[in-house]
């Protein structure tokens, strides 16, 4: 009974959920604009990327429409529809229906450009799916339906939060299985590869091995402690600020802008 009362508590985390929804919709609008500039080599029928057309008529085919010969030349329409859907979502019209459409379009687009992914696309797909169940804050007058609506709000926020925590925890665990991360050499190796960093980054850190080691160990420690410390109110604000700095650093030094943006936006769920 205590668990039921906790889950059905009205507007427990709705503010964080709605703030996250608005922020992620704004991000998607800019994401689509970015893809328009890179349309010819990423999404057009003459794309430089090889793709495997889906077969059958299941959910897998529905989520890979842009890899089907019939829809190859319609990628621009998916982008326009996604922008329009985000605008409708920001206006607060038909929030759950709009969220379903946005998730569907985003997954199709991300699957089409899968080979250029940074990991943030999968996280984005999952978060968009969970936020389908957010309401607009206007609960039914019926007590039963109000409880159901509140439960959907709260459970979906919990699912989004758990998704972020799993990303951090698994990332930290896998790093500990790699001796280059444990030794502190991982970032130095990554930055030495032209495809994974910028020239100015290599020039800046090539003679600062100690700094690179500290940065490497900091990322592991942060990912390990985040799932625990984020629940402690006195230090949560400082933890999130450190995370923002970490992800801005990842974006600037490695070019993983989309991944970093999604992770920073996801922090809104923990406010």
Protein backbone atom coordinates (compact mmCIF):
# COMPACT_ATOMS: atom_id res chain seq x y z
CA UNK A 1 0.00 0.00 0.00
CA UNK A 2 2.85 2.39 0.81
CA UNK A 3 4.40 1.70 -2.60
CA UNK A 4 1.08 2.31 -4.36
CA UNK A 5 0.58 5.61 -2.54
CA UNK A 6 4.13 6.62 -3.42
CA UNK A 7 3.72 5.83 -7.12
CA UNK A 8 0.30 7.44 -7.44
CA UNK A 9 1.28 10.64 -5.60
CA UNK A 10 0.06 13.57 -7.70
CA UNK A 11 2.70 15.65 -9.52
CA UNK A 12 5.56 14.13 -7.53
CA UNK A 13 8.12 14.53 -10.33
CA UNK A 14 5.93 15.97 -13.08
CA UNK A 15 7.74 19.31 -13.08
CA UNK A 16 11.07 17.63 -13.84
CA UNK A 17 9.45 15.42 -16.47
CA UNK A 18 7.79 18.30 -18.32
CA UNK A 19 10.97 20.41 -18.15
CA UNK A 20 12.92 17.52 -19.64
CA UNK A 21 10.31 17.05 -22.37
CA UNK A 22 10.48 20.70 -23.44
CA UNK A 23 14.28 20.70 -23.43
CA UNK A 24 14.56 17.49 -25.46
CA UNK A 25 12.05 18.81 -28.02
CA UNK A 26 14.11 21.98 -28.45
CA UNK A 27 17.20 19.83 -28.89
CA UNK A 28 15.45 17.72 -31.54
CA UNK A 29 14.56 20.83 -33.54
CA UNK A 30 18.23 21.84 -33.67
CA UNK A 31 19.17 18.22 -34.36
CA UNK A 32 16.92 18.22 -37.45
CA UNK A 33 18.34 21.53 -38.64
CA UNK A 34 21.83 20.05 -38.31
CA UNK A 35 20.80 17.03 -40.37
CA UNK A 36 19.44 19.28 -43.14
CA UNK A 37 22.94 20.75 -43.50
CA UNK A 38 24.38 17.21 -43.70
CA UNK A 39 21.49 15.79 -45.70
CA UNK A 40 23.26 14.78 -48.91
CA UNK A 41 25.84 12.48 -47.34
CA UNK A 42 23.74 11.20 -44.43
CA UNK A 43 20.11 10.90 -45.46
CA UNK A 44 19.74 11.23 -49.23
CA UNK A 45 19.29 8.29 -51.59
CA UNK A 46 22.93 8.90 -52.60
CA UNK A 47 24.18 8.69 -49.03
CA UNK A 48 27.77 7.52 -48.56
CA UNK A 49 26.59 4.97 -45.99
CA UNK A 50 25.62 1.43 -46.85
CA UNK A 51 22.30 0.27 -45.48
CA UNK A 52 20.41 -3.01 -45.33
CA UNK A 53 16.74 -2.71 -46.37
CA UNK A 54 14.40 -4.13 -43.71
CA UNK A 55 12.38 -7.23 -44.52
CA UNK A 56 8.94 -8.28 -43.35
CA UNK A 57 6.21 -6.17 -41.83
CA UNK A 58 7.06 -6.18 -38.10
CA UNK A 59 8.05 -3.42 -35.67
CA UNK A 60 11.64 -3.64 -36.92
CA UNK A 61 10.54 -2.64 -40.41
CA UNK A 62 8.34 0.17 -39.09
CA UNK A 63 11.31 1.63 -37.21
CA UNK A 64 13.62 1.38 -40.22
CA UNK A 65 11.46 2.93 -42.91
CA UNK A 66 14.22 5.25 -44.10
CA UNK A 67 16.32 2.23 -45.01
CA UNK A 68 13.58 0.98 -47.30
CA UNK A 69 13.85 1.74 -51.00
CA UNK A 70 10.36 3.27 -51.06
CA UNK A 71 11.20 5.88 -48.38
CA UNK A 72 14.83 6.67 -49.23
CA UNK A 73 13.96 9.94 -50.93
CA UNK A 74 11.54 11.01 -48.20
CA UNK A 75 13.99 11.62 -45.36
CA UNK A 76 13.45 15.37 -45.64
CA UNK A 77 9.75 14.85 -44.91
CA UNK A 78 10.57 12.90 -41.76
CA UNK A 79 12.76 15.79 -40.60
CA UNK A 80 10.07 18.37 -41.30
CA UNK A 81 7.43 16.26 -39.54
CA UNK A 82 9.72 15.86 -36.54
CA UNK A 83 10.27 19.62 -36.31
CA UNK A 84 6.52 20.21 -36.61
CA UNK A 85 5.81 17.53 -34.00
CA UNK A 86 8.27 19.13 -31.57
CA UNK A 87 6.62 22.53 -32.04
CA UNK A 88 3.22 20.94 -31.33
CA UNK A 89 4.72 19.21 -28.31
CA UNK A 90 6.19 22.45 -26.98
CA UNK A 91 2.74 24.02 -27.32
CA UNK A 92 1.38 21.26 -25.10
CA UNK A 93 -1.18 19.91 -27.57
CA UNK A 94 -2.02 16.20 -27.35
CA UNK A 95 1.14 15.49 -25.32
CA UNK A 96 1.10 11.69 -25.30
CA UNK A 97 0.01 11.30 -28.92
CA UNK A 98 2.59 13.84 -30.02
CA UNK A 99 5.24 12.05 -27.96
CA UNK A 100 4.52 8.77 -29.75
CA UNK A 101 4.90 10.43 -33.17
CA UNK A 102 8.14 12.16 -32.11
CA UNK A 103 9.58 8.89 -30.80
CA UNK A 104 8.64 7.05 -34.01
CA UNK A 105 10.17 9.68 -36.30
CA UNK A 106 13.32 10.05 -34.19
CA UNK A 107 13.98 6.30 -34.06
CA UNK A 108 13.60 6.05 -37.85
CA UNK A 109 16.01 8.92 -38.41
CA UNK A 110 18.54 7.61 -35.88
CA UNK A 111 18.41 4.13 -37.39
CA UNK A 112 19.09 5.61 -40.82
CA UNK A 113 22.24 7.40 -39.60
CA UNK A 114 23.25 4.62 -37.21
CA UNK A 115 26.82 4.39 -38.52
CA UNK A 116 27.50 7.98 -37.48
CA UNK A 117 26.05 7.47 -34.00
CA UNK A 118 27.82 8.43 -30.79
CA UNK A 119 25.76 6.36 -28.36
CA UNK A 120 23.56 9.31 -27.53
CA UNK A 121 21.06 8.25 -30.18
CA UNK A 122 20.17 5.01 -28.37
CA UNK A 123 19.83 6.86 -25.08
CA UNK A 124 17.67 9.47 -26.82
CA UNK A 125 15.43 6.80 -28.31
CA UNK A 126 14.89 5.18 -24.91
CA UNK A 127 14.22 8.45 -23.09
CA UNK A 128 11.75 9.55 -25.76
CA UNK A 129 9.91 6.25 -25.38
CA UNK A 130 9.62 6.58 -21.60
CA UNK A 131 8.45 10.20 -21.80
CA UNK A 132 5.53 9.10 -23.96
CA UNK A 133 3.75 8.40 -20.68
CA UNK A 134 4.20 11.91 -19.26
CA UNK A 135 0.93 13.81 -19.05
CA UNK A 136 0.53 17.55 -19.53
CA UNK A 137 -0.20 18.03 -15.84
CA UNK A 138 -3.95 18.18 -16.35
CA UNK A 139 -5.31 15.19 -14.48
CA UNK A 140 -8.81 13.69 -14.91
CA UNK A 141 -11.44 14.58 -12.32
CA UNK A 142 -12.09 10.90 -11.59
CA UNK A 143 -9.99 9.73 -8.64
CA UNK A 144 -9.22 6.41 -10.31
CA UNK A 145 -8.07 7.94 -13.58
CA UNK A 146 -6.17 10.63 -11.70
CA UNK A 147 -4.26 7.94 -9.84
CA UNK A 148 -3.50 6.09 -13.08
CA UNK A 149 -2.32 9.31 -14.76
CA UNK A 150 -0.11 10.19 -11.78
CA UNK A 151 1.31 6.66 -11.69
CA UNK A 152 2.23 6.90 -15.38
CA UNK A 153 3.93 10.25 -14.77
CA UNK A 154 5.95 8.96 -11.82
CA UNK A 155 6.89 5.58 -13.28
CA UNK A 156 8.04 7.14 -16.56
CA UNK A 157 10.27 9.62 -14.72
CA UNK A 158 11.70 6.76 -12.66
CA UNK A 159 12.37 4.81 -15.88
CA UNK A 160 14.15 7.79 -17.46
CA UNK A 161 16.27 8.28 -14.34
CA UNK A 162 17.17 4.60 -14.19
CA UNK A 163 18.20 4.73 -17.84
CA UNK A 164 20.71 7.48 -17.07
CA UNK A 165 22.01 5.65 -14.01
CA UNK A 166 22.47 2.43 -16.00
CA UNK A 167 24.45 4.31 -18.65
CA UNK A 168 26.85 5.65 -16.02
CA UNK A 169 27.16 2.44 -14.03
CA UNK A 170 27.77 0.15 -17.02
CA UNK A 171 30.20 2.65 -18.52
CA UNK A 172 32.20 2.71 -15.28
CA UNK A 173 32.17 -1.08 -14.95
CA UNK A 174 33.39 -1.60 -18.50
CA UNK A 175 36.14 0.95 -17.95
CA UNK A 176 37.37 -1.00 -14.95
CA UNK A 177 37.69 -4.08 -17.17
CA UNK A 178 40.06 -2.17 -19.47
CA UNK A 179 43.60 -1.79 -18.16
CA UNK A 180 44.16 1.39 -20.16
CA UNK A 181 41.41 3.11 -18.17
CA UNK A 182 42.62 1.70 -14.86
CA UNK A 183 46.17 2.84 -15.60
CA UNK A 184 44.94 6.29 -16.61
CA UNK A 185 46.24 6.02 -20.18
CA UNK A 186 42.88 5.74 -21.97
CA UNK A 187 42.29 9.42 -22.75
CA UNK A 188 45.87 9.84 -23.90
CA UNK A 189 45.38 7.01 -26.38
CA UNK A 190 42.01 8.35 -27.52
CA UNK A 191 43.32 11.88 -28.03
CA UNK A 192 46.27 10.55 -30.05
CA UNK A 193 43.88 9.15 -32.67
CA UNK A 194 42.96 11.88 -35.23
CA UNK A 195 39.51 10.36 -35.85
CA UNK A 196 38.55 10.71 -32.18
CA UNK A 197 39.88 14.14 -31.28
CA UNK A 198 41.03 17.48 -32.67
CA UNK A 199 44.52 18.70 -33.50
CA UNK A 200 44.44 21.38 -30.81
CA UNK A 201 43.53 18.73 -28.23
CA UNK A 202 46.53 16.58 -29.15
CA UNK A 203 48.82 19.60 -29.11
CA UNK A 204 47.50 20.76 -25.75
CA UNK A 205 47.76 17.45 -23.90
CA UNK A 206 50.68 15.70 -25.60
CA UNK A 207 53.06 16.88 -22.86
CA UNK A 208 50.56 16.75 -19.99
CA UNK A 209 50.28 13.04 -19.23
CA UNK A 210 49.49 13.65 -15.56
CA UNK A 211 46.51 15.84 -16.45
CA UNK A 212 45.24 13.18 -18.84
CA UNK A 213 45.56 10.50 -16.15
CA UNK A 214 43.62 12.63 -13.66
CA UNK A 215 40.92 13.29 -16.25
CA UNK A 216 40.68 9.58 -17.02
CA UNK A 217 40.34 8.58 -13.37
CA UNK A 218 37.90 11.41 -12.69
CA UNK A 219 35.53 10.15 -15.40
CA UNK A 220 35.53 6.64 -13.89
CA UNK A 221 34.98 7.89 -10.35
CA UNK A 222 32.24 10.28 -11.41
CA UNK A 223 30.33 7.59 -13.28
CA UNK A 224 30.58 5.26 -10.31
CA UNK A 225 29.46 7.71 -7.64
CA UNK A 226 26.75 9.49 -9.65
CA UNK A 227 24.06 6.79 -9.13
CA UNK A 228 24.56 7.15 -5.37
CA UNK A 229 25.37 10.80 -4.74
CA UNK A 230 22.68 12.19 -7.05
CA UNK A 231 20.08 11.35 -4.38
CA UNK A 232 21.84 13.42 -1.69
CA UNK A 233 20.30 16.90 -1.85
CA UNK A 234 23.15 18.82 -0.15
CA UNK A 235 25.64 17.82 -2.88
CA UNK A 236 23.38 17.05 -5.84
CA UNK A 237 23.72 20.54 -7.32
CA UNK A 238 27.51 20.36 -7.29
CA UNK A 239 27.46 16.83 -8.70
CA UNK A 240 25.30 17.93 -11.64
CA UNK A 241 27.57 20.93 -12.27
CA UNK A 242 30.58 18.61 -12.39
CA UNK A 243 28.67 16.40 -14.82
CA UNK A 244 27.87 19.33 -17.07
CA UNK A 245 31.56 20.27 -17.12
CA UNK A 246 32.47 16.63 -17.86
CA UNK A 247 30.10 16.39 -20.82
CA UNK A 248 31.04 19.78 -22.22
CA UNK A 249 34.61 18.54 -22.08
CA UNK A 250 33.65 15.37 -23.96
CA UNK A 251 31.86 17.43 -26.59
CA UNK A 252 34.68 19.93 -27.08
CA UNK A 253 37.61 17.50 -27.06
CA UNK A 254 36.06 14.50 -28.84
CA UNK A 255 33.27 16.05 -30.90
CA UNK A 256 30.51 13.99 -29.25
CA UNK A 257 28.11 16.92 -29.19
CA UNK A 258 24.83 15.05 -29.51
CA UNK A 259 25.67 12.53 -26.79
CA UNK A 260 26.78 15.27 -24.42
CA UNK A 261 23.68 17.36 -25.12
CA UNK A 262 21.33 14.44 -24.38
CA UNK A 263 23.14 13.62 -21.13
CA UNK A 264 23.06 17.22 -19.92
CA UNK A 265 19.37 17.55 -20.77
CA UNK A 266 18.72 14.29 -18.88
CA UNK A 267 20.07 15.98 -15.74
CA UNK A 268 16.82 17.97 -15.65
CA UNK A 269 15.13 14.77 -14.47
CA UNK A 270 17.16 14.91 -11.25
CA UNK A 271 16.42 18.49 -10.23
